[in-house]
Amino acid sequence: MKLSVLCENTAISSQYLCEHGLSLYIETGHHHILFDMGKTEAFSVNAQSMGISLSDADIAVLSHGHYDHGGGLPVFFARNKKAPLCLQPDALGEYYNANGKYIGLDQAIRNPYDGRTLLIPGVLSIDNNLTLFTCNDLLPRFPIDADGLTEKRDGMMQPDRFIHEQYLLILERGRRILVSGCSHKGIRNLIHWFRPDVFIGGFHLMHTDPNTDEGQQLLKDTADYLLSSPTVYYTGHCTGEAPYAFLKSIMKERLHRLSSGAVFEI
């Protein structure tokens, strides 16, 4: 399986654009998958620089309803005329950060594009190799921290439940590869639920300060638990630079950095 990082917070060189967002292009033996579209058109610009044609994607997945993962949706629909977009119905909700800033999808994205927007309530088995999960019906082993993120529900601002988030499980050559956008339900919970051979996506630890006792303990506990599974991890975006460096010092070759322009054979 080939993983190309179309957009991420950092870049491997000045040749590629970077932004606070995530977009991945995944080529398996059966599919070409666009997973998230970043915040702007940067993912499309980088795809061209990497020799990737977005028109070749046969399926697109939106991990959740935040602008830094779905802001590039109009660009995707302009570049690709065939691939369906899979998202949870609640991804079209109203979401805000800890400062009260709207971070949901642009209102224009709320209407389906040419019947290609597939609103998936819960689990979807796309075929024998691809399945989308929300895990909304699973009990977490570890606490889920909303980290100040909220959703407007019943006319009131309430902590985000992250029911709009979904995860892609790929079965490839006998391996289980789990792809996540931000892992808002908790990276440890996802590993507990899936026990994948490979995990790709953000850990949502960017507000965890390794220079505090509390932050350091959380990162140590996270590293220890992630290492208890035989999983190999590829992460970036909402993991945060300082938390990534701390985790890397413990997890070493089991942890790899996602950056715009990076390509991995998995």
C-alpha atoms as a PDB file:
ATOM      1  CA  MET A   1       0.000   0.000   0.000  1.00  0.00           C
ATOM      2  CA  LYS A   2       1.236   3.462  -0.892  1.00  0.00           C
ATOM      3  CA  LEU A   3       0.498   6.450   1.352  1.00  0.00           C
ATOM      4  CA  SER A   4       1.058   9.959  -0.036  1.00  0.00           C
ATOM      5  CA  VAL A   5       0.641  12.928   2.297  1.00  0.00           C
ATOM      6  CA  LEU A   6      -1.033  15.619   0.194  1.00  0.00           C
ATOM      7  CA  CYS A   7      -1.287  18.143   2.986  1.00  0.00           C
ATOM      8  CA  GLU A   8      -0.290  18.458   6.614  1.00  0.00           C
ATOM      9  CA  ASN A   9       0.861  21.093   9.109  1.00  0.00           C
ATOM     10  CA  THR A  10       4.473  20.644   8.029  1.00  0.00           C
ATOM     11  CA  ALA A  11       6.215  19.845   4.745  1.00  0.00           C
ATOM     12  CA  ILE A  12       9.267  17.808   3.829  1.00  0.00           C
ATOM     13  CA  SER A  13      10.581  20.752   1.782  1.00  0.00           C
ATOM     14  CA  SER A  14       9.653  24.219   0.546  1.00  0.00           C
ATOM     15  CA  GLN A  15       8.431  22.563  -2.663  1.00  0.00           C
ATOM     16  CA  TYR A  16       5.201  21.635  -0.901  1.00  0.00           C
ATOM     17  CA  LEU A  17       2.505  23.724   0.745  1.00  0.00           C
ATOM     18  CA  CYS A  18       1.525  23.129   4.342  1.00  0.00           C
ATOM     19  CA  GLU A  19      -1.333  24.348   6.515  1.00  0.00           C
ATOM     20  CA  HIS A  20      -3.237  23.369   9.640  1.00  0.00           C
ATOM     21  CA  GLY A  21      -5.075  20.555   7.925  1.00  0.00           C
ATOM     22  CA  LEU A  22      -4.809  16.990   6.706  1.00  0.00           C
ATOM     23  CA  SER A  23      -5.220  15.220   3.373  1.00  0.00           C
ATOM     24  CA  LEU A  24      -4.014  11.735   2.468  1.00  0.00           C
ATOM     25  CA  TYR A  25      -3.973   9.796  -0.796  1.00  0.00           C
ATOM     26  CA  ILE A  26      -3.971   6.031  -0.310  1.00  0.00           C
ATOM     27  CA  GLU A  27      -3.346   3.513  -3.096  1.00  0.00           C
ATOM     28  CA  THR A  28      -4.229  -0.079  -2.257  1.00  0.00           C
ATOM     29  CA  GLY A  29      -4.427  -3.130  -4.474  1.00  0.00           C
ATOM     30  CA  HIS A  30      -8.089  -2.347  -5.071  1.00  0.00           C
ATOM     31  CA  HIS A  31      -8.676   1.381  -4.552  1.00  0.00           C
ATOM     32  CA  HIS A  32      -7.372   4.917  -4.871  1.00  0.00           C
ATOM     33  CA  ILE A  33      -8.690   6.721  -1.789  1.00  0.00           C
ATOM     34  CA  LEU A  34      -8.697  10.423  -0.978  1.00  0.00           C
ATOM     35  CA  PHE A  35      -8.962  10.730   2.796  1.00  0.00           C
ATOM     36  CA  ASP A  36      -9.773  14.300   3.865  1.00  0.00           C
ATOM     37  CA  MET A  37      -9.117  17.425   1.808  1.00  0.00           C
ATOM     38  CA  GLY A  38      -7.346  19.851   4.140  1.00  0.00           C
ATOM     39  CA  LYS A  39      -8.370  23.458   4.711  1.00  0.00           C
ATOM     40  CA  THR A  40      -7.795  24.975   1.263  1.00  0.00           C
ATOM     41  CA  GLU A  41      -6.694  23.972  -2.232  1.00  0.00           C
ATOM     42  CA  ALA A  42      -3.189  23.201  -0.932  1.00  0.00           C
ATOM     43  CA  PHE A  43      -3.789  19.431  -1.110  1.00  0.00           C
ATOM     44  CA  SER A  44      -4.612  19.730  -4.814  1.00  0.00           C
ATOM     45  CA  VAL A  45      -1.550  21.848  -5.557  1.00  0.00           C
ATOM     46  CA  ASN A  46       0.674  19.362  -3.749  1.00  0.00           C
ATOM     47  CA  ALA A  47      -0.979  16.421  -5.504  1.00  0.00           C
ATOM     48  CA  GLN A  48       0.001  17.924  -8.849  1.00  0.00           C
ATOM     49  CA  SER A  49       3.579  18.437  -7.639  1.00  0.00           C
ATOM     50  CA  MET A  50       3.660  14.796  -6.536  1.00  0.00           C
ATOM     51  CA  GLY A  51       2.378  13.514  -9.878  1.00  0.00           C
ATOM     52  CA  ILE A  52      -0.971  12.445  -8.429  1.00  0.00           C
ATOM     53  CA  SER A  53      -4.173  13.053 -10.372  1.00  0.00           C
ATOM     54  CA  LEU A  54      -7.144  13.567  -8.066  1.00  0.00           C
ATOM     55  CA  SER A  55      -9.372  12.435 -10.932  1.00  0.00           C
ATOM     56  CA  ASP A  56      -8.045   8.897 -10.359  1.00  0.00           C
ATOM     57  CA  ALA A  57      -9.552   8.642  -6.866  1.00  0.00           C
ATOM     58  CA  ASP A  58     -12.446   6.171  -6.861  1.00  0.00           C
ATOM     59  CA  ILE A  59     -13.630   6.997  -3.343  1.00  0.00           C
ATOM     60  CA  ALA A  60     -13.303   9.942  -0.981  1.00  0.00           C
ATOM     61  CA  VAL A  61     -13.753   9.927   2.788  1.00  0.00           C
ATOM     62  CA  LEU A  62     -14.348  12.884   5.098  1.00  0.00           C
ATOM     63  CA  SER A  63     -13.215  11.902   8.580  1.00  0.00           C
ATOM     64  CA  HIS A  64     -15.301  14.504  10.429  1.00  0.00           C
ATOM     65  CA  GLY A  65     -17.033  17.836  10.088  1.00  0.00           C
ATOM     66  CA  HIS A  66     -14.193  20.294  10.778  1.00  0.00           C
ATOM     67  CA  TYR A  67     -12.967  22.884   8.278  1.00  0.00           C
ATOM     68  CA  ASP A  68      -9.325  21.774   8.371  1.00  0.00           C
ATOM     69  CA  HIS A  69     -10.352  18.396   6.928  1.00  0.00           C
ATOM     70  CA  GLY A  70     -13.214  19.407   4.640  1.00  0.00           C
ATOM     71  CA  GLY A  71     -12.376  22.936   3.553  1.00  0.00           C
ATOM     72  CA  GLY A  72     -10.992  21.628   0.261  1.00  0.00           C
ATOM     73  CA  LEU A  73     -14.164  19.737  -0.659  1.00  0.00           C
ATOM     74  CA  PRO A  74     -15.198  22.133  -3.467  1.00  0.00           C
ATOM     75  CA  VAL A  75     -11.745  21.648  -5.016  1.00  0.00           C
ATOM     76  CA  PHE A  76     -12.124  17.872  -4.847  1.00  0.00           C
ATOM     77  CA  PHE A  77     -15.490  17.960  -6.611  1.00  0.00           C
ATOM     78  CA  ALA A  78     -14.014  20.223  -9.287  1.00  0.00           C
ATOM     79  CA  ARG A  79     -11.030  17.916  -9.890  1.00  0.00           C
ATOM     80  CA  ASN A  80     -12.858  14.597  -9.655  1.00  0.00           C
ATOM     81  CA  LYS A  81     -16.173  13.873 -11.390  1.00  0.00           C
ATOM     82  CA  LYS A  82     -16.781  10.248 -10.340  1.00  0.00           C
ATOM     83  CA  ALA A  83     -15.750   9.374  -6.786  1.00  0.00           C
ATOM     84  CA  PRO A  84     -18.450   9.330  -4.093  1.00  0.00           C
ATOM     85  CA  LEU A  85     -17.800  11.225  -0.881  1.00  0.00           C
ATOM     86  CA  CYS A  86     -18.535   9.268   2.300  1.00  0.00           C
ATOM     87  CA  LEU A  87     -19.331  11.227   5.447  1.00  0.00           C
ATOM     88  CA  GLN A  88     -21.465  10.956   8.539  1.00  0.00           C
ATOM     89  CA  PRO A  89     -24.732  12.981   8.503  1.00  0.00           C
ATOM     90  CA  ASP A  90     -23.624  14.766  11.674  1.00  0.00           C
ATOM     91  CA  ALA A  91     -20.551  16.062   9.829  1.00  0.00           C
ATOM     92  CA  LEU A  92     -22.918  18.726   8.522  1.00  0.00           C
ATOM     93  CA  GLY A  93     -23.564  20.018  12.039  1.00  0.00           C
ATOM     94  CA  GLU A  94     -22.353  23.234  13.682  1.00  0.00           C
ATOM     95  CA  TYR A  95     -19.027  22.932  15.490  1.00  0.00           C
ATOM     96  CA  TYR A  96     -16.908  25.463  17.419  1.00  0.00           C
ATOM     97  CA  ASN A  97     -13.514  25.592  19.083  1.00  0.00           C
ATOM     98  CA  ALA A  98     -12.748  26.523  22.696  1.00  0.00           C
ATOM     99  CA  ASN A  99     -12.770  30.221  21.781  1.00  0.00           C
ATOM    100  CA  GLY A 100     -16.216  30.035  20.215  1.00  0.00           C
ATOM    101  CA  LYS A 101     -14.928  30.214  16.636  1.00  0.00           C
ATOM    102  CA  TYR A 102     -16.951  28.272  14.065  1.00  0.00           C
ATOM    103  CA  ILE A 103     -14.830  25.371  12.790  1.00  0.00           C
ATOM    104  CA  GLY A 104     -17.511  23.377  10.942  1.00  0.00           C
ATOM    105  CA  LEU A 105     -17.852  22.944   7.213  1.00  0.00           C
ATOM    106  CA  ASP A 106     -18.700  25.841   4.941  1.00  0.00           C
ATOM    107  CA  GLN A 107     -22.437  26.241   4.538  1.00  0.00           C
ATOM    108  CA  ALA A 108     -22.141  25.654   0.779  1.00  0.00           C
ATOM    109  CA  ILE A 109     -20.913  22.099   1.435  1.00  0.00           C
ATOM    110  CA  ARG A 110     -24.128  21.201   3.221  1.00  0.00           C
ATOM    111  CA  ASN A 111     -25.865  20.446  -0.078  1.00  0.00           C
ATOM    112  CA  PRO A 112     -24.864  17.215  -1.878  1.00  0.00           C
ATOM    113  CA  TYR A 113     -22.815  17.587  -5.055  1.00  0.00           C
ATOM    114  CA  ASP A 114     -24.474  15.877  -8.031  1.00  0.00           C
ATOM    115  CA  GLY A 115     -25.777  13.054  -5.850  1.00  0.00           C
ATOM    116  CA  ARG A 116     -22.211  11.996  -5.011  1.00  0.00           C
ATOM    117  CA  THR A 117     -22.389  12.801  -1.299  1.00  0.00           C
ATOM    118  CA  LEU A 118     -23.167   9.629   0.641  1.00  0.00           C
ATOM    119  CA  LEU A 119     -24.474  10.296   4.141  1.00  0.00           C
ATOM    120  CA  ILE A 120     -23.630   7.168   6.100  1.00  0.00           C
ATOM    121  CA  PRO A 121     -25.429   6.591   9.395  1.00  0.00           C
ATOM    122  CA  GLY A 122     -22.980   4.416  11.314  1.00  0.00           C
ATOM    123  CA  VAL A 123     -20.975   1.535   9.858  1.00  0.00           C
ATOM    124  CA  LEU A 124     -20.541   1.017   6.116  1.00  0.00           C
ATOM    125  CA  SER A 125     -18.840  -2.004   4.548  1.00  0.00           C
ATOM    126  CA  ILE A 126     -17.797  -0.572   1.198  1.00  0.00           C
ATOM    127  CA  ASP A 127     -16.421  -3.936   0.068  1.00  0.00           C
ATOM    128  CA  ASN A 128     -14.326  -6.784   1.462  1.00  0.00           C
ATOM    129  CA  ASN A 129     -11.357  -4.438   1.887  1.00  0.00           C
ATOM    130  CA  LEU A 130     -12.830  -1.138   3.137  1.00  0.00           C
ATOM    131  CA  THR A 131     -15.116  -0.450   6.100  1.00  0.00           C
ATOM    132  CA  LEU A 132     -16.072   2.823   7.767  1.00  0.00           C
ATOM    133  CA  PHE A 133     -16.747   2.885  11.516  1.00  0.00           C
ATOM    134  CA  THR A 134     -17.983   5.586  13.910  1.00  0.00           C
ATOM    135  CA  CYS A 135     -17.492   3.571  17.126  1.00  0.00           C
ATOM    136  CA  ASN A 136     -20.408   5.572  18.540  1.00  0.00           C
ATOM    137  CA  ASP A 137     -21.843   2.415  20.082  1.00  0.00           C
ATOM    138  CA  LEU A 138     -18.595   1.287  21.746  1.00  0.00           C
ATOM    139  CA  LEU A 139     -17.663   1.915  25.367  1.00  0.00           C
ATOM    140  CA  PRO A 140     -14.386   3.826  25.735  1.00  0.00           C
ATOM    141  CA  ARG A 141     -11.694   2.349  27.915  1.00  0.00           C
ATOM    142  CA  PHE A 142     -10.116   5.782  28.375  1.00  0.00           C
ATOM    143  CA  PRO A 143     -11.839   9.145  29.002  1.00  0.00           C
ATOM    144  CA  ILE A 144     -12.818  11.161  25.922  1.00  0.00           C
ATOM    145  CA  ASP A 145     -11.770  14.785  26.364  1.00  0.00           C
ATOM    146  CA  ALA A 146     -13.705  17.334  24.287  1.00  0.00           C
ATOM    147  CA  ASP A 147     -10.750  19.710  24.811  1.00  0.00           C
ATOM    148  CA  GLY A 148     -13.076  22.709  24.739  1.00  0.00           C
ATOM    149  CA  LEU A 149     -14.626  21.767  21.387  1.00  0.00           C
ATOM    150  CA  THR A 150     -18.377  22.241  21.219  1.00  0.00           C
ATOM    151  CA  GLU A 151     -21.359  21.574  18.995  1.00  0.00           C
ATOM    152  CA  LYS A 152     -24.622  23.465  18.701  1.00  0.00           C
ATOM    153  CA  ARG A 153     -27.288  20.974  19.663  1.00  0.00           C
ATOM    154  CA  ASP A 154     -30.954  21.750  20.358  1.00  0.00           C
ATOM    155  CA  GLY A 155     -30.093  25.415  20.040  1.00  0.00           C
ATOM    156  CA  MET A 156     -27.474  25.253  22.816  1.00  0.00           C
ATOM    157  CA  MET A 157     -23.674  25.018  22.887  1.00  0.00           C
ATOM    158  CA  GLN A 158     -22.677  21.648  24.338  1.00  0.00           C
ATOM    159  CA  PRO A 159     -19.449  19.599  24.469  1.00  0.00           C
ATOM    160  CA  ASP A 160     -18.737  17.897  21.156  1.00  0.00           C
ATOM    161  CA  ARG A 161     -19.615  14.196  21.289  1.00  0.00           C
ATOM    162  CA  PHE A 162     -17.667  13.534  18.061  1.00  0.00           C
ATOM    163  CA  ILE A 163     -20.438  11.378  16.673  1.00  0.00           C
ATOM    164  CA  HIS A 164     -19.613  12.988  13.300  1.00  0.00           C
ATOM    165  CA  GLU A 165     -16.201  11.300  13.251  1.00  0.00           C
ATOM    166  CA  GLN A 166     -15.524   8.096  11.312  1.00  0.00           C
ATOM    167  CA  TYR A 167     -12.529   5.846  10.780  1.00  0.00           C
ATOM    168  CA  LEU A 168     -11.496   3.847   7.734  1.00  0.00           C
ATOM    169  CA  LEU A 169     -10.334   0.264   8.226  1.00  0.00           C
ATOM    170  CA  ILE A 170      -8.401  -1.144   5.260  1.00  0.00           C
ATOM    171  CA  LEU A 171      -7.676  -4.853   4.915  1.00  0.00           C
ATOM    172  CA  GLU A 172      -4.600  -5.243   2.752  1.00  0.00           C
ATOM    173  CA  ARG A 173      -2.554  -8.430   2.369  1.00  0.00           C
ATOM    174  CA  GLY A 174      -3.717  -9.822   5.692  1.00  0.00           C
ATOM    175  CA  ARG A 175      -3.070  -6.596   7.607  1.00  0.00           C
ATOM    176  CA  ARG A 176      -5.476  -4.222   9.340  1.00  0.00           C
ATOM    177  CA  ILE A 177      -4.715  -0.574   8.544  1.00  0.00           C
ATOM    178  CA  LEU A 178      -6.738   2.051  10.409  1.00  0.00           C
ATOM    179  CA  VAL A 179      -6.943   5.625   9.077  1.00  0.00           C
ATOM    180  CA  SER A 180      -8.215   8.468  11.263  1.00  0.00           C
ATOM    181  CA  GLY A 181      -8.392  12.228  10.849  1.00  0.00           C
ATOM    182  CA  CYS A 182      -7.994  13.507  14.414  1.00  0.00           C
ATOM    183  CA  SER A 183      -8.922  10.596  16.704  1.00  0.00           C
ATOM    184  CA  HIS A 184     -11.101  12.829  18.863  1.00  0.00           C
ATOM    185  CA  LYS A 185     -12.489   9.769  20.618  1.00  0.00           C
ATOM    186  CA  GLY A 186      -8.970   9.116  21.884  1.00  0.00           C
ATOM    187  CA  ILE A 187      -6.035   7.417  20.202  1.00  0.00           C
ATOM    188  CA  ARG A 188      -5.820   4.865  23.018  1.00  0.00           C
ATOM    189  CA  ASN A 189      -9.497   3.998  22.621  1.00  0.00           C
ATOM    190  CA  LEU A 190      -9.025   3.447  18.889  1.00  0.00           C
ATOM    191  CA  ILE A 191      -6.108   1.102  19.474  1.00  0.00           C
ATOM    192  CA  HIS A 192      -8.124  -0.698  22.164  1.00  0.00           C
ATOM    193  CA  TRP A 193     -11.088  -1.145  19.805  1.00  0.00           C
ATOM    194  CA  PHE A 194      -9.238  -2.074  16.607  1.00  0.00           C
ATOM    195  CA  ARG A 195      -5.733  -3.336  17.449  1.00  0.00           C
ATOM    196  CA  PRO A 196      -4.569  -2.473  13.913  1.00  0.00           C
ATOM    197  CA  ASP A 197      -1.273  -3.482  12.376  1.00  0.00           C
ATOM    198  CA  VAL A 198      -0.835   0.080  11.103  1.00  0.00           C
ATOM    199  CA  PHE A 199      -2.403   3.321  12.323  1.00  0.00           C
ATOM    200  CA  ILE A 200      -2.407   6.497  10.217  1.00  0.00           C
ATOM    201  CA  GLY A 201      -3.691   9.853  11.459  1.00  0.00           C
ATOM    202  CA  GLY A 202      -3.627  12.513  14.147  1.00  0.00           C
ATOM    203  CA  PHE A 203      -3.528  11.758  17.878  1.00  0.00           C
ATOM    204  CA  HIS A 204      -5.210  15.023  18.982  1.00  0.00           C
ATOM    205  CA  LEU A 205      -2.606  15.772  21.640  1.00  0.00           C
ATOM    206  CA  MET A 206      -1.558  19.230  20.442  1.00  0.00           C
ATOM    207  CA  HIS A 207      -2.705  20.924  23.660  1.00  0.00           C
ATOM    208  CA  THR A 208      -0.803  18.475  25.858  1.00  0.00           C
ATOM    209  CA  ASP A 209       2.288  20.183  27.268  1.00  0.00           C
ATOM    210  CA  PRO A 210       5.177  17.774  27.877  1.00  0.00           C
ATOM    211  CA  ASN A 211       6.799  20.426  30.113  1.00  0.00           C
ATOM    212  CA  THR A 212       4.127  19.983  32.776  1.00  0.00           C
ATOM    213  CA  ASP A 213       3.855  17.005  35.093  1.00  0.00           C
ATOM    214  CA  GLU A 214       0.289  16.302  33.984  1.00  0.00           C
ATOM    215  CA  GLY A 215       1.097  16.559  30.290  1.00  0.00           C
ATOM    216  CA  GLN A 216       4.221  14.469  30.595  1.00  0.00           C
ATOM    217  CA  GLN A 217       2.365  11.742  32.451  1.00  0.00           C
ATOM    218  CA  LEU A 218      -0.408  11.632  29.836  1.00  0.00           C
ATOM    219  CA  LEU A 219       2.126  11.348  27.028  1.00  0.00           C
ATOM    220  CA  LYS A 220       4.060   8.623  28.839  1.00  0.00           C
ATOM    221  CA  ASP A 221       0.872   6.684  29.482  1.00  0.00           C
ATOM    222  CA  THR A 222      -0.150   7.138  25.841  1.00  0.00           C
ATOM    223  CA  ALA A 223       3.218   5.961  24.527  1.00  0.00           C
ATOM    224  CA  ASP A 224       3.209   2.931  26.828  1.00  0.00           C
ATOM    225  CA  TYR A 225      -0.283   1.917  25.761  1.00  0.00           C
ATOM    226  CA  LEU A 226       0.406   2.426  22.048  1.00  0.00           C
ATOM    227  CA  LEU A 227       3.526   0.282  22.354  1.00  0.00           C
ATOM    228  CA  SER A 228       1.507  -2.472  24.042  1.00  0.00           C
ATOM    229  CA  SER A 229      -0.051  -3.119  20.623  1.00  0.00           C
ATOM    230  CA  PRO A 230       2.180  -4.333  17.751  1.00  0.00           C
ATOM    231  CA  THR A 231       0.960  -1.372  15.697  1.00  0.00           C
ATOM    232  CA  VAL A 232       3.226   0.882  13.620  1.00  0.00           C
ATOM    233  CA  TYR A 233       2.091   4.534  13.742  1.00  0.00           C
ATOM    234  CA  TYR A 234       2.157   7.372  11.219  1.00  0.00           C
ATOM    235  CA  THR A 235       1.009  10.647  12.747  1.00  0.00           C
ATOM    236  CA  GLY A 236       1.044  14.430  12.573  1.00  0.00           C
ATOM    237  CA  HIS A 237      -1.428  17.323  12.269  1.00  0.00           C
ATOM    238  CA  CYS A 238      -3.294  17.567  15.608  1.00  0.00           C
ATOM    239  CA  THR A 239      -0.708  15.460  17.431  1.00  0.00           C
ATOM    240  CA  GLY A 240       1.354  18.633  17.892  1.00  0.00           C
ATOM    241  CA  GLU A 241       5.069  19.223  17.465  1.00  0.00           C
ATOM    242  CA  ALA A 242       6.171  19.028  21.120  1.00  0.00           C
ATOM    243  CA  PRO A 243       3.980  16.010  21.931  1.00  0.00           C
ATOM    244  CA  TYR A 244       5.239  14.243  18.796  1.00  0.00           C
ATOM    245  CA  ALA A 245       8.869  14.841  19.780  1.00  0.00           C
ATOM    246  CA  PHE A 246       8.189  13.487  23.275  1.00  0.00           C
ATOM    247  CA  LEU A 247       6.384  10.403  21.942  1.00  0.00           C
ATOM    248  CA  LYS A 248       9.104   9.816  19.343  1.00  0.00           C
ATOM    249  CA  SER A 249      11.763   9.720  22.073  1.00  0.00           C
ATOM    250  CA  ILE A 250       9.913   6.782  23.620  1.00  0.00           C
ATOM    251  CA  MET A 251       8.350   5.036  20.627  1.00  0.00           C
ATOM    252  CA  LYS A 252      11.342   5.457  18.300  1.00  0.00           C
ATOM    253  CA  GLU A 253      11.002   3.403  15.070  1.00  0.00           C
ATOM    254  CA  ARG A 254       7.368   2.561  15.845  1.00  0.00           C
ATOM    255  CA  LEU A 255       6.369   6.206  15.213  1.00  0.00           C
ATOM    256  CA  HIS A 256       6.698   8.086  11.906  1.00  0.00           C
ATOM    257  CA  ARG A 257       6.008  11.709  10.947  1.00  0.00           C
ATOM    258  CA  LEU A 258       3.411  12.743   8.385  1.00  0.00           C
ATOM    259  CA  SER A 259       4.375  15.857   6.398  1.00  0.00           C
ATOM    260  CA  SER A 260       3.222  17.360   3.086  1.00  0.00           C
ATOM    261  CA  GLY A 261       5.074  15.635   0.247  1.00  0.00           C
ATOM    262  CA  ALA A 262       5.993  12.522   2.218  1.00  0.00           C
ATOM    263  CA  VAL A 263       5.416   9.115   0.600  1.00  0.00           C
ATOM    264  CA  PHE A 264       5.415   5.812   2.475  1.00  0.00           C
ATOM    265  CA  GLU A 265       5.257   2.218   1.263  1.00  0.00           C
ATOM    266  CA  ILE A 266       3.279   0.431   3.958  1.00  0.00           C
END
